[in-house]
Amino acid sequence: MPTGDDGRVTLRRTRRPWFGPKRLLGWGWRVNSWQGRVVTAVLLGLVVLARTWWGSRAWPVIVGLLAVYLVVILLSGDRPGGPGIRPRGPGDRGPQDHRPGPGDDRRTGS
């Protein structure tokens, strides 16, 4: 199984991620590369085209297009995320994992 930059198993099948975790406002993915921008532009063009051809009956086609888009994101992007979510690699300990070591006295701040 392929692993991401943080050492965790990923579904990504591309060398570099086309979509990455969001940095601002909410949780999800953001476009990371020109390939992701092209895929997103093609999706938007197809949605407009479907809406033009079928009008209000286009919703099943649009739902199908969004499902395909999600599969493309899963196969070409990193894990989703949001602000405050920091990728953790092997051996990376967060604040909840802190165990005082020799010379680490929290009372004196050293």
Protein backbone atom coordinates (compact mmCIF):
# COMPACT_ATOMS: atom_id res chain seq x y z
CA MET A 1 0.00 0.00 0.00
CA PRO A 2 1.31 3.47 -0.81
CA THR A 3 2.00 5.85 2.05
CA GLY A 4 1.66 9.62 2.13
CA ASP A 5 4.18 12.23 3.26
CA ASP A 6 3.11 11.64 6.86
CA GLY A 7 3.75 7.87 6.66
CA ARG A 8 0.09 6.85 6.76
CA VAL A 9 -1.53 4.61 4.17
CA THR A 10 -3.15 6.58 1.35
CA LEU A 11 -5.30 5.80 -1.69
CA ARG A 12 -3.31 8.23 -3.85
CA ARG A 13 -2.16 6.78 -7.16
CA THR A 14 -0.33 9.87 -8.42
CA ARG A 15 3.27 10.79 -7.71
CA ARG A 16 2.35 14.20 -6.30
CA PRO A 17 -1.02 15.08 -4.77
CA TRP A 18 -3.49 16.95 -6.97
CA PHE A 19 -5.65 17.80 -3.96
CA GLY A 20 -4.55 18.46 -0.38
CA PRO A 21 -6.11 19.27 2.99
CA LYS A 22 -7.82 22.63 3.36
CA ARG A 23 -5.93 25.35 5.17
CA LEU A 24 -8.79 27.73 5.95
CA LEU A 25 -12.50 27.57 6.76
CA GLY A 26 -13.90 24.13 7.20
CA TRP A 27 -12.77 20.61 6.47
CA GLY A 28 -12.06 18.93 3.16
CA TRP A 29 -9.74 19.27 0.19
CA ARG A 30 -8.24 22.11 -1.81
CA VAL A 31 -6.65 22.09 -5.26
CA ASN A 32 -2.89 21.48 -5.00
CA SER A 33 -1.67 21.36 -8.61
CA TRP A 34 -2.47 22.27 -12.20
CA GLN A 35 -3.91 18.77 -12.72
CA GLY A 36 -6.41 19.36 -9.92
CA ARG A 37 -7.38 22.69 -11.48
CA VAL A 38 -7.96 21.02 -14.86
CA VAL A 39 -10.12 18.27 -13.31
CA THR A 40 -12.14 20.89 -11.40
CA ALA A 41 -12.58 23.07 -14.52
CA VAL A 42 -13.73 20.06 -16.55
CA LEU A 43 -16.24 19.16 -13.81
CA LEU A 44 -17.64 22.69 -13.75
CA GLY A 45 -17.89 22.75 -17.55
CA LEU A 46 -19.74 19.42 -17.59
CA VAL A 47 -22.14 20.61 -14.87
CA VAL A 48 -22.95 23.76 -16.87
CA LEU A 49 -23.36 21.69 -20.02
CA ALA A 50 -25.68 19.17 -18.31
CA ARG A 51 -27.75 21.98 -16.83
CA THR A 52 -28.00 23.61 -20.28
CA TRP A 53 -29.06 20.40 -22.05
CA TRP A 54 -31.44 18.90 -19.50
CA GLY A 55 -32.46 21.90 -17.40
CA SER A 56 -34.03 20.94 -14.07
CA ARG A 57 -33.82 17.23 -14.98
CA ALA A 58 -30.00 17.34 -14.90
CA TRP A 59 -29.63 16.58 -11.18
CA PRO A 60 -28.95 12.81 -11.57
CA VAL A 61 -26.20 13.59 -14.08
CA ILE A 62 -24.74 16.24 -11.77
CA VAL A 63 -24.80 13.84 -8.80
CA GLY A 64 -23.00 11.25 -10.96
CA LEU A 65 -20.40 13.81 -12.01
CA LEU A 66 -19.79 14.77 -8.38
CA ALA A 67 -19.37 11.08 -7.46
CA VAL A 68 -16.76 10.66 -10.20
CA TYR A 69 -15.04 13.86 -9.01
CA LEU A 70 -14.89 12.49 -5.46
CA VAL A 71 -13.31 9.25 -6.71
CA VAL A 72 -10.71 11.28 -8.65
CA ILE A 73 -9.94 13.28 -5.50
CA LEU A 74 -9.58 10.12 -3.41
CA LEU A 75 -7.23 8.52 -5.95
CA SER A 76 -5.11 11.60 -6.63
CA GLY A 77 -5.12 13.57 -3.37
CA ASP A 78 -3.93 13.44 0.20
CA ARG A 79 -6.18 12.97 3.19
CA PRO A 80 -8.73 15.74 3.79
CA GLY A 81 -8.27 18.17 6.63
CA GLY A 82 -8.81 21.67 7.86
CA PRO A 83 -7.24 24.43 9.91
CA GLY A 84 -5.57 23.16 13.05
CA ILE A 85 -5.19 19.63 11.68
CA ARG A 86 -1.51 18.88 11.49
CA PRO A 87 -0.35 15.75 9.68
CA ARG A 88 1.38 13.36 12.02
CA GLY A 89 4.20 11.17 10.93
CA PRO A 90 5.73 8.14 12.58
CA GLY A 91 7.31 9.10 15.89
CA ASP A 92 5.63 12.53 15.89
CA ARG A 93 4.14 13.10 19.31
CA GLY A 94 1.43 15.67 19.86
CA PRO A 95 0.79 17.53 23.13
CA GLN A 96 -1.47 14.74 24.39
CA ASP A 97 1.41 12.27 24.01
CA HIS A 98 3.98 14.32 25.95
CA ARG A 99 5.76 12.35 28.61
CA PRO A 100 8.31 14.24 30.69
CA GLY A 101 11.84 13.02 30.18
CA PRO A 102 15.03 13.54 32.16
CA GLY A 103 15.56 17.24 32.77
CA ASP A 104 12.02 18.13 31.67
CA ASP A 105 10.50 19.84 34.69
CA ARG A 106 7.25 21.59 33.86
CA ARG A 107 7.14 23.39 37.22
CA THR A 108 10.23 25.45 36.45
CA GLY A 109 9.61 25.80 32.73
CA SER A 110 12.91 24.18 31.75
